Amino acid sequence: MNRQFCGVYDALDFLENEWPMHGKHQAQAARACRAALRHPRYADWARNAFIAACPEASFACSDMLGGARPRRPNLHQPTADWDLDR
């Protein structure tokens, strides 16, 4: 299965409703996503927490933008698309 996430809300929905096992890293990623929904400046933290949770659920995860991400002046825009391979 190949899944692409276009923002924090999309990732949080997957974490809460489709994630196969709820563990420490999944809970931390969900908390980070909720924080990013309230304060968009936490979007990078949410993305990193989501990526860190993937091995716990045996997912391979890649950041579509790679290591170099352009700065976005509008914090309400998603900072990256996340690509999840299972």
Foldseek 3Di string as FASTA:
>chain_A
DKDKAQALVRLLCCLVPPQPDDDDLSVLLNVLSVVCVVPLVSLVVNVVSSCVCQVVSPKHKDWPVPDDFDDDPDSVGRRTMIMIHD
